[in-house]
Amino acid sequence: RKGHPAALANVIREFLLRVEALPWDERAAMVYGDLRASCAAAGITLGALDMMIAAHAVATNATLITHDKAFALVPDGALAVDDWTHGM
């Protein structure tokens, strides 16, 4: 990765050609607000970008594929998470 930005950019472009990028829309923004409020009420701190990622996944009924443990903190079981390292 480090030291090979052109190669990494090519890998990312190839990946993006194979997946559908879902737009950030009004529903995602509404879920973000609800999620931010429920996290604050539960005393949970998530970074702004992590919260946006979580809200987008919830809004689109998607399962978030990640190894980042921060997403397990999302309250109320609202976010479906699958750790891509399990079963490897």
N, C-alpha and C. Protein backbone atom coordinates (compact mmCIF):
# COMPACT_ATOMS: atom_id res chain seq x y z
N ARG A 1 0.83 -1.19 0.00
CA ARG A 1 0.00 0.00 0.00
C ARG A 1 0.87 1.24 0.00
N LYS A 2 1.62 1.41 1.07
CA LYS A 2 2.45 2.60 1.18
C LYS A 2 3.55 2.55 0.13
N GLY A 3 3.72 3.65 -0.57
CA GLY A 3 4.77 3.71 -1.57
C GLY A 3 4.32 3.29 -2.95
N HIS A 4 3.07 2.82 -3.09
CA HIS A 4 2.55 2.39 -4.39
C HIS A 4 1.15 2.96 -4.61
N PRO A 5 1.00 4.28 -4.55
CA PRO A 5 -0.35 4.86 -4.65
C PRO A 5 -1.04 4.58 -5.98
N ALA A 6 -0.30 4.53 -7.07
CA ALA A 6 -0.92 4.26 -8.38
C ALA A 6 -1.48 2.85 -8.43
N ALA A 7 -0.73 1.90 -7.89
CA ALA A 7 -1.19 0.50 -7.88
C ALA A 7 -2.43 0.36 -7.00
N LEU A 8 -2.42 1.02 -5.85
CA LEU A 8 -3.58 0.97 -4.96
C LEU A 8 -4.80 1.61 -5.63
N ALA A 9 -4.59 2.71 -6.30
CA ALA A 9 -5.70 3.38 -7.00
C ALA A 9 -6.29 2.45 -8.06
N ASN A 10 -5.46 1.71 -8.75
CA ASN A 10 -5.95 0.76 -9.76
C ASN A 10 -6.76 -0.37 -9.13
N VAL A 11 -6.29 -0.88 -8.01
CA VAL A 11 -7.02 -1.94 -7.30
C VAL A 11 -8.39 -1.43 -6.85
N ILE A 12 -8.42 -0.22 -6.33
CA ILE A 12 -9.69 0.37 -5.88
C ILE A 12 -10.63 0.57 -7.06
N ARG A 13 -10.12 1.08 -8.18
CA ARG A 13 -10.95 1.27 -9.37
C ARG A 13 -11.55 -0.07 -9.84
N GLU A 14 -10.72 -1.11 -9.85
CA GLU A 14 -11.19 -2.44 -10.26
C GLU A 14 -12.30 -2.93 -9.33
N PHE A 15 -12.10 -2.74 -8.03
CA PHE A 15 -13.11 -3.15 -7.05
C PHE A 15 -14.42 -2.40 -7.29
N LEU A 16 -14.33 -1.09 -7.47
CA LEU A 16 -15.54 -0.28 -7.63
C LEU A 16 -16.31 -0.60 -8.91
N LEU A 17 -15.64 -1.14 -9.89
CA LEU A 17 -16.33 -1.56 -11.11
C LEU A 17 -17.22 -2.78 -10.86
N ARG A 18 -16.95 -3.50 -9.78
CA ARG A 18 -17.65 -4.75 -9.50
C ARG A 18 -18.75 -4.63 -8.44
N VAL A 19 -18.86 -3.47 -7.83
CA VAL A 19 -19.87 -3.28 -6.78
C VAL A 19 -20.78 -2.10 -7.13
N GLU A 20 -21.94 -2.10 -6.53
CA GLU A 20 -22.86 -0.98 -6.70
C GLU A 20 -22.67 -0.02 -5.54
N ALA A 21 -22.35 1.22 -5.84
CA ALA A 21 -22.21 2.25 -4.81
C ALA A 21 -23.59 2.85 -4.56
N LEU A 22 -24.07 2.75 -3.33
CA LEU A 22 -25.39 3.26 -2.98
C LEU A 22 -25.28 4.72 -2.56
N PRO A 23 -26.20 5.56 -3.00
CA PRO A 23 -26.11 6.99 -2.69
C PRO A 23 -26.45 7.28 -1.23
N TRP A 24 -25.84 8.34 -0.72
CA TRP A 24 -26.22 8.87 0.59
C TRP A 24 -27.47 9.71 0.32
N ASP A 25 -28.58 9.32 0.92
CA ASP A 25 -29.83 10.01 0.64
C ASP A 25 -30.49 10.50 1.92
N GLU A 26 -31.71 11.00 1.78
CA GLU A 26 -32.43 11.55 2.93
C GLU A 26 -32.66 10.48 4.00
N ARG A 27 -32.95 9.27 3.59
CA ARG A 27 -33.17 8.18 4.56
C ARG A 27 -31.90 7.94 5.37
N ALA A 28 -30.75 7.90 4.72
CA ALA A 28 -29.48 7.70 5.42
C ALA A 28 -29.24 8.84 6.41
N ALA A 29 -29.56 10.06 6.00
CA ALA A 29 -29.37 11.21 6.89
C ALA A 29 -30.29 11.12 8.10
N MET A 30 -31.53 10.67 7.90
CA MET A 30 -32.46 10.52 9.01
C MET A 30 -31.99 9.43 9.98
N VAL A 31 -31.53 8.31 9.43
CA VAL A 31 -31.01 7.23 10.27
C VAL A 31 -29.79 7.71 11.03
N TYR A 32 -28.94 8.51 10.38
CA TYR A 32 -27.76 9.07 11.05
C TYR A 32 -28.18 9.86 12.29
N GLY A 33 -29.18 10.73 12.13
CA GLY A 33 -29.65 11.52 13.26
C GLY A 33 -30.17 10.65 14.39
N ASP A 34 -30.97 9.65 14.05
CA ASP A 34 -31.50 8.73 15.06
C ASP A 34 -30.38 7.95 15.75
N LEU A 35 -29.43 7.49 14.94
CA LEU A 35 -28.32 6.71 15.48
C LEU A 35 -27.45 7.56 16.39
N ARG A 36 -27.20 8.79 15.97
CA ARG A 36 -26.39 9.69 16.79
C ARG A 36 -27.07 9.94 18.14
N ALA A 37 -28.38 10.14 18.11
CA ALA A 37 -29.13 10.37 19.35
C ALA A 37 -29.11 9.14 20.25
N SER A 38 -29.31 7.96 19.67
CA SER A 38 -29.32 6.75 20.51
C SER A 38 -27.94 6.44 21.06
N CYS A 39 -26.90 6.72 20.30
CA CYS A 39 -25.53 6.52 20.80
C CYS A 39 -25.25 7.49 21.95
N ALA A 40 -25.65 8.74 21.78
CA ALA A 40 -25.43 9.74 22.83
C ALA A 40 -26.18 9.35 24.10
N ALA A 41 -27.42 8.88 23.96
CA ALA A 41 -28.22 8.48 25.12
C ALA A 41 -27.61 7.29 25.84
N ALA A 42 -26.94 6.42 25.08
CA ALA A 42 -26.32 5.23 25.67
C ALA A 42 -24.88 5.48 26.11
N GLY A 43 -24.38 6.71 25.90
CA GLY A 43 -23.01 7.02 26.27
C GLY A 43 -21.98 6.40 25.36
N ILE A 44 -22.37 6.12 24.13
CA ILE A 44 -21.48 5.48 23.15
C ILE A 44 -20.90 6.54 22.23
N THR A 45 -19.59 6.50 22.05
CA THR A 45 -18.91 7.43 21.16
C THR A 45 -18.41 6.70 19.94
N LEU A 46 -18.90 7.10 18.78
CA LEU A 46 -18.40 6.61 17.50
C LEU A 46 -17.90 7.82 16.73
N GLY A 47 -16.85 7.64 15.95
CA GLY A 47 -16.38 8.71 15.10
C GLY A 47 -17.45 9.07 14.09
N ALA A 48 -17.42 10.31 13.60
CA ALA A 48 -18.45 10.78 12.67
C ALA A 48 -18.51 9.92 11.41
N LEU A 49 -17.37 9.55 10.85
CA LEU A 49 -17.39 8.74 9.64
C LEU A 49 -17.88 7.32 9.92
N ASP A 50 -17.49 6.75 11.06
CA ASP A 50 -18.00 5.43 11.43
C ASP A 50 -19.52 5.47 11.59
N MET A 51 -20.01 6.55 12.19
CA MET A 51 -21.45 6.67 12.38
C MET A 51 -22.16 6.82 11.03
N MET A 52 -21.55 7.54 10.09
CA MET A 52 -22.14 7.67 8.76
C MET A 52 -22.17 6.32 8.04
N ILE A 53 -21.10 5.56 8.18
CA ILE A 53 -21.04 4.23 7.56
C ILE A 53 -22.13 3.34 8.15
N ALA A 54 -22.25 3.35 9.48
CA ALA A 54 -23.27 2.54 10.15
C ALA A 54 -24.67 2.96 9.72
N ALA A 55 -24.92 4.26 9.69
CA ALA A 55 -26.24 4.77 9.31
C ALA A 55 -26.58 4.39 7.87
N HIS A 56 -25.61 4.47 7.00
CA HIS A 56 -25.84 4.12 5.59
C HIS A 56 -26.20 2.64 5.47
N ALA A 57 -25.49 1.79 6.20
CA ALA A 57 -25.80 0.36 6.17
C ALA A 57 -27.20 0.08 6.71
N VAL A 58 -27.55 0.72 7.82
CA VAL A 58 -28.88 0.53 8.40
C VAL A 58 -29.96 1.02 7.43
N ALA A 59 -29.75 2.19 6.84
CA ALA A 59 -30.74 2.79 5.94
C ALA A 59 -30.99 1.94 4.70
N THR A 60 -29.99 1.21 4.28
CA THR A 60 -30.12 0.40 3.06
C THR A 60 -30.34 -1.08 3.37
N ASN A 61 -30.54 -1.39 4.66
CA ASN A 61 -30.72 -2.78 5.10
C ASN A 61 -29.56 -3.67 4.65
N ALA A 62 -28.37 -3.12 4.71
CA ALA A 62 -27.17 -3.84 4.30
C ALA A 62 -26.45 -4.41 5.52
N THR A 63 -25.70 -5.46 5.30
CA THR A 63 -24.81 -5.99 6.33
C THR A 63 -23.45 -5.34 6.12
N LEU A 64 -22.90 -4.78 7.18
CA LEU A 64 -21.59 -4.14 7.11
C LEU A 64 -20.52 -5.21 7.30
N ILE A 65 -19.65 -5.35 6.32
CA ILE A 65 -18.56 -6.31 6.38
C ILE A 65 -17.33 -5.56 6.86
N THR A 66 -16.88 -5.87 8.07
CA THR A 66 -15.75 -5.14 8.66
C THR A 66 -15.11 -5.96 9.76
N HIS A 67 -13.87 -5.63 10.06
CA HIS A 67 -13.17 -6.22 11.20
C HIS A 67 -13.06 -5.18 12.32
N ASP A 68 -13.61 -4.00 12.10
CA ASP A 68 -13.53 -2.90 13.06
C ASP A 68 -14.53 -3.14 14.20
N LYS A 69 -14.02 -3.34 15.39
CA LYS A 69 -14.85 -3.66 16.55
C LYS A 69 -15.73 -2.49 16.99
N ALA A 70 -15.43 -1.28 16.55
CA ALA A 70 -16.22 -0.11 16.95
C ALA A 70 -17.68 -0.27 16.54
N PHE A 71 -17.93 -0.95 15.43
CA PHE A 71 -19.30 -1.08 14.94
C PHE A 71 -20.15 -2.00 15.82
N ALA A 72 -19.52 -2.81 16.64
CA ALA A 72 -20.27 -3.65 17.57
C ALA A 72 -20.92 -2.81 18.67
N LEU A 73 -20.49 -1.56 18.81
CA LEU A 73 -21.03 -0.66 19.83
C LEU A 73 -22.38 -0.06 19.44
N VAL A 74 -22.75 -0.16 18.18
CA VAL A 74 -24.01 0.45 17.73
C VAL A 74 -25.16 -0.18 18.53
N PRO A 75 -25.96 0.66 19.20
CA PRO A 75 -26.99 0.12 20.10
C PRO A 75 -28.20 -0.48 19.39
N ASP A 76 -28.95 -1.24 20.16
CA ASP A 76 -30.26 -1.78 19.75
C ASP A 76 -30.20 -2.81 18.64
N GLY A 77 -29.03 -3.35 18.35
CA GLY A 77 -28.92 -4.35 17.29
C GLY A 77 -29.36 -3.82 15.94
N ALA A 78 -29.30 -2.50 15.77
CA ALA A 78 -29.77 -1.88 14.53
C ALA A 78 -28.89 -2.19 13.34
N LEU A 79 -27.62 -2.49 13.60
CA LEU A 79 -26.65 -2.68 12.53
C LEU A 79 -26.26 -4.15 12.42
N ALA A 80 -26.42 -4.72 11.24
CA ALA A 80 -25.96 -6.08 10.98
C ALA A 80 -24.49 -6.02 10.58
N VAL A 81 -23.65 -6.72 11.33
CA VAL A 81 -22.20 -6.69 11.09
C VAL A 81 -21.70 -8.11 10.88
N ASP A 82 -20.81 -8.26 9.92
CA ASP A 82 -20.16 -9.55 9.68
C ASP A 82 -18.66 -9.29 9.61
N ASP A 83 -17.90 -9.98 10.45
CA ASP A 83 -16.44 -9.83 10.49
C ASP A 83 -15.84 -10.70 9.39
N TRP A 84 -15.23 -10.07 8.42
CA TRP A 84 -14.68 -10.78 7.27
C TRP A 84 -13.51 -11.69 7.63
N THR A 85 -12.92 -11.54 8.82
CA THR A 85 -11.79 -12.39 9.20
C THR A 85 -12.22 -13.71 9.80
N HIS A 86 -13.49 -13.82 10.20
CA HIS A 86 -13.97 -15.09 10.77
C HIS A 86 -14.11 -16.12 9.66
N GLY A 87 -13.64 -17.30 9.93
CA GLY A 87 -13.72 -18.37 8.94
C GLY A 87 -12.58 -18.38 7.95
N MET A 88 -11.59 -17.55 8.18
CA MET A 88 -10.44 -17.52 7.27
C MET A 88 -9.43 -18.55 7.69
